[in-house]
Amino acid sequence: MNKLSRREEEKQTVEQMIRFYCRHKEGNSTLCKDCKELLDYAHQRLAHCPFGEQKKTCRQCPVHCYRPEMKQRIKEVMRYAGPRMLWHYPIWTLKHLWRER
């Protein structure tokens, strides 16, 4: 099994959170237009992160590269999905929390 790069791990984490939010909070079976837009934006930002493989979680990042409206949207997603992810994706969540320490 290949180890994912730091960026790829972050991309998967944010994708899981957005999909979780869209499914559980908004009640959609697939990503809605707004959540798809947010996911594409988040992936774009991660792809161009100046910290590369040394990046920290976005919460700890000294450079806030999201536009204000997108930053607000991702915060809303993370506030909802973050605490609930532990029950649905425990290993992934614990890895993410470990990286924040």
C-alpha atoms as a PDB file:
ATOM      1  CA  MET A   1       0.000   0.000   0.000  1.00  0.00           C
ATOM      2  CA  ASN A   2       1.418   3.352  -1.036  1.00  0.00           C
ATOM      3  CA  LYS A   3       1.687   6.062   1.546  1.00  0.00           C
ATOM      4  CA  LEU A   4      -0.228   9.159   0.557  1.00  0.00           C
ATOM      5  CA  SER A   5       1.518  12.495   0.342  1.00  0.00           C
ATOM      6  CA  ARG A   6       0.646  15.067   2.969  1.00  0.00           C
ATOM      7  CA  ARG A   7      -1.373  17.066   0.458  1.00  0.00           C
ATOM      8  CA  GLU A   8      -3.280  14.005  -0.717  1.00  0.00           C
ATOM      9  CA  GLU A   9      -4.143  13.119   2.886  1.00  0.00           C
ATOM     10  CA  GLU A  10      -5.438  16.643   3.450  1.00  0.00           C
ATOM     11  CA  LYS A  11      -7.428  16.497   0.210  1.00  0.00           C
ATOM     12  CA  GLN A  12      -9.049  13.244   1.288  1.00  0.00           C
ATOM     13  CA  THR A  13      -9.793  14.593   4.756  1.00  0.00           C
ATOM     14  CA  VAL A  14     -11.475  17.754   3.478  1.00  0.00           C
ATOM     15  CA  GLU A  15     -13.392  15.727   0.904  1.00  0.00           C
ATOM     16  CA  GLN A  16     -14.693  13.351   3.568  1.00  0.00           C
ATOM     17  CA  MET A  17     -15.766  16.278   5.710  1.00  0.00           C
ATOM     18  CA  ILE A  18     -17.566  18.076   2.881  1.00  0.00           C
ATOM     19  CA  ARG A  19     -19.302  14.874   1.728  1.00  0.00           C
ATOM     20  CA  PHE A  20     -20.308  14.118   5.332  1.00  0.00           C
ATOM     21  CA  TYR A  21     -21.715  17.632   5.779  1.00  0.00           C
ATOM     22  CA  CYS A  22     -23.631  17.533   2.503  1.00  0.00           C
ATOM     23  CA  ARG A  23     -25.093  14.094   3.247  1.00  0.00           C
ATOM     24  CA  HIS A  24     -25.910  14.476   6.952  1.00  0.00           C
ATOM     25  CA  LYS A  25     -26.523  18.208   7.455  1.00  0.00           C
ATOM     26  CA  GLU A  26     -28.094  19.053   4.100  1.00  0.00           C
ATOM     27  CA  GLY A  27     -29.662  15.642   3.440  1.00  0.00           C
ATOM     28  CA  ASN A  28     -28.227  15.153  -0.059  1.00  0.00           C
ATOM     29  CA  SER A  29     -27.356  11.714  -1.419  1.00  0.00           C
ATOM     30  CA  THR A  30     -24.680  13.236  -3.681  1.00  0.00           C
ATOM     31  CA  LEU A  31     -22.732  16.478  -3.479  1.00  0.00           C
ATOM     32  CA  CYS A  32     -24.867  19.515  -4.168  1.00  0.00           C
ATOM     33  CA  LYS A  33     -23.611  22.304  -6.414  1.00  0.00           C
ATOM     34  CA  ASP A  34     -22.412  24.463  -3.492  1.00  0.00           C
ATOM     35  CA  CYS A  35     -20.564  21.628  -1.781  1.00  0.00           C
ATOM     36  CA  LYS A  36     -18.961  20.555  -5.069  1.00  0.00           C
ATOM     37  CA  GLU A  37     -17.800  24.128  -5.596  1.00  0.00           C
ATOM     38  CA  LEU A  38     -16.328  24.204  -2.081  1.00  0.00           C
ATOM     39  CA  LEU A  39     -14.598  20.849  -2.590  1.00  0.00           C
ATOM     40  CA  ASP A  40     -13.065  21.948  -5.900  1.00  0.00           C
ATOM     41  CA  TYR A  41     -11.906  25.188  -4.287  1.00  0.00           C
ATOM     42  CA  ALA A  42     -10.372  23.365  -1.301  1.00  0.00           C
ATOM     43  CA  HIS A  43      -8.542  20.930  -3.592  1.00  0.00           C
ATOM     44  CA  GLN A  44      -7.233  23.833  -5.671  1.00  0.00           C
ATOM     45  CA  ARG A  45      -5.957  25.629  -2.559  1.00  0.00           C
ATOM     46  CA  LEU A  46      -4.241  22.461  -1.306  1.00  0.00           C
ATOM     47  CA  ALA A  47      -2.659  21.818  -4.705  1.00  0.00           C
ATOM     48  CA  HIS A  48      -1.054  25.267  -4.578  1.00  0.00           C
ATOM     49  CA  CYS A  49      -0.106  25.292  -0.899  1.00  0.00           C
ATOM     50  CA  PRO A  50       3.295  26.997  -0.556  1.00  0.00           C
ATOM     51  CA  PHE A  51       4.263  24.670   2.317  1.00  0.00           C
ATOM     52  CA  GLY A  52       4.081  21.538   0.198  1.00  0.00           C
ATOM     53  CA  GLU A  53       4.667  18.315   2.086  1.00  0.00           C
ATOM     54  CA  GLN A  54       5.615  20.223   5.247  1.00  0.00           C
ATOM     55  CA  LYS A  55       2.169  21.768   5.519  1.00  0.00           C
ATOM     56  CA  LYS A  56       0.325  21.677   8.794  1.00  0.00           C
ATOM     57  CA  THR A  57      -3.408  21.383   9.090  1.00  0.00           C
ATOM     58  CA  CYS A  58      -5.153  24.448   7.730  1.00  0.00           C
ATOM     59  CA  ARG A  59      -6.227  25.491  11.214  1.00  0.00           C
ATOM     60  CA  GLN A  60      -2.561  25.899  12.198  1.00  0.00           C
ATOM     61  CA  CYS A  61      -1.421  27.504   8.965  1.00  0.00           C
ATOM     62  CA  PRO A  62       0.052  31.019   9.204  1.00  0.00           C
ATOM     63  CA  VAL A  63      -1.160  31.781   5.639  1.00  0.00           C
ATOM     64  CA  HIS A  64      -4.922  31.933   5.215  1.00  0.00           C
ATOM     65  CA  CYS A  65      -5.301  31.362   1.492  1.00  0.00           C
ATOM     66  CA  TYR A  66      -9.101  30.991   1.335  1.00  0.00           C
ATOM     67  CA  ARG A  67     -11.251  33.876   0.151  1.00  0.00           C
ATOM     68  CA  PRO A  68     -13.347  35.177   3.069  1.00  0.00           C
ATOM     69  CA  GLU A  69     -16.645  33.676   1.850  1.00  0.00           C
ATOM     70  CA  MET A  70     -15.030  30.277   1.182  1.00  0.00           C
ATOM     71  CA  LYS A  71     -13.269  30.404   4.530  1.00  0.00           C
ATOM     72  CA  GLN A  72     -16.635  30.916   6.221  1.00  0.00           C
ATOM     73  CA  ARG A  73     -18.171  28.011   4.312  1.00  0.00           C
ATOM     74  CA  ILE A  74     -15.336  25.584   5.133  1.00  0.00           C
ATOM     75  CA  LYS A  75     -15.493  26.639   8.792  1.00  0.00           C
ATOM     76  CA  GLU A  76     -19.185  25.796   8.851  1.00  0.00           C
ATOM     77  CA  VAL A  77     -18.485  22.387   7.303  1.00  0.00           C
ATOM     78  CA  MET A  78     -15.664  21.654   9.731  1.00  0.00           C
ATOM     79  CA  ARG A  79     -17.663  22.762  12.768  1.00  0.00           C
ATOM     80  CA  TYR A  80     -20.432  20.368  11.845  1.00  0.00           C
ATOM     81  CA  ALA A  81     -18.458  17.437  10.438  1.00  0.00           C
ATOM     82  CA  GLY A  82     -15.348  17.571  12.632  1.00  0.00           C
ATOM     83  CA  PRO A  83     -16.803  16.299  15.918  1.00  0.00           C
ATOM     84  CA  ARG A  84     -19.000  13.743  14.144  1.00  0.00           C
ATOM     85  CA  MET A  85     -16.200  12.316  12.008  1.00  0.00           C
ATOM     86  CA  LEU A  86     -14.749  10.501  15.015  1.00  0.00           C
ATOM     87  CA  TRP A  87     -17.722   8.109  15.016  1.00  0.00           C
ATOM     88  CA  HIS A  88     -17.827   7.578  11.269  1.00  0.00           C
ATOM     89  CA  TYR A  89     -14.117   7.679  10.361  1.00  0.00           C
ATOM     90  CA  PRO A  90     -12.275   7.079  13.655  1.00  0.00           C
ATOM     91  CA  ILE A  91      -8.826   6.178  12.292  1.00  0.00           C
ATOM     92  CA  TRP A  92      -8.799   9.017   9.774  1.00  0.00           C
ATOM     93  CA  THR A  93      -9.952  11.491  12.406  1.00  0.00           C
ATOM     94  CA  LEU A  94      -7.359  10.402  14.945  1.00  0.00           C
ATOM     95  CA  LYS A  95      -4.601  10.725  12.328  1.00  0.00           C
ATOM     96  CA  HIS A  96      -5.792  14.232  11.521  1.00  0.00           C
ATOM     97  CA  LEU A  97      -5.919  15.200  15.197  1.00  0.00           C
ATOM     98  CA  TRP A  98      -2.449  13.748  15.751  1.00  0.00           C
ATOM     99  CA  ARG A  99      -1.041  15.973  12.986  1.00  0.00           C
ATOM    100  CA  GLU A 100      -2.410  19.016  14.784  1.00  0.00           C
ATOM    101  CA  ARG A 101      -0.314  18.284  17.865  1.00  0.00           C
END
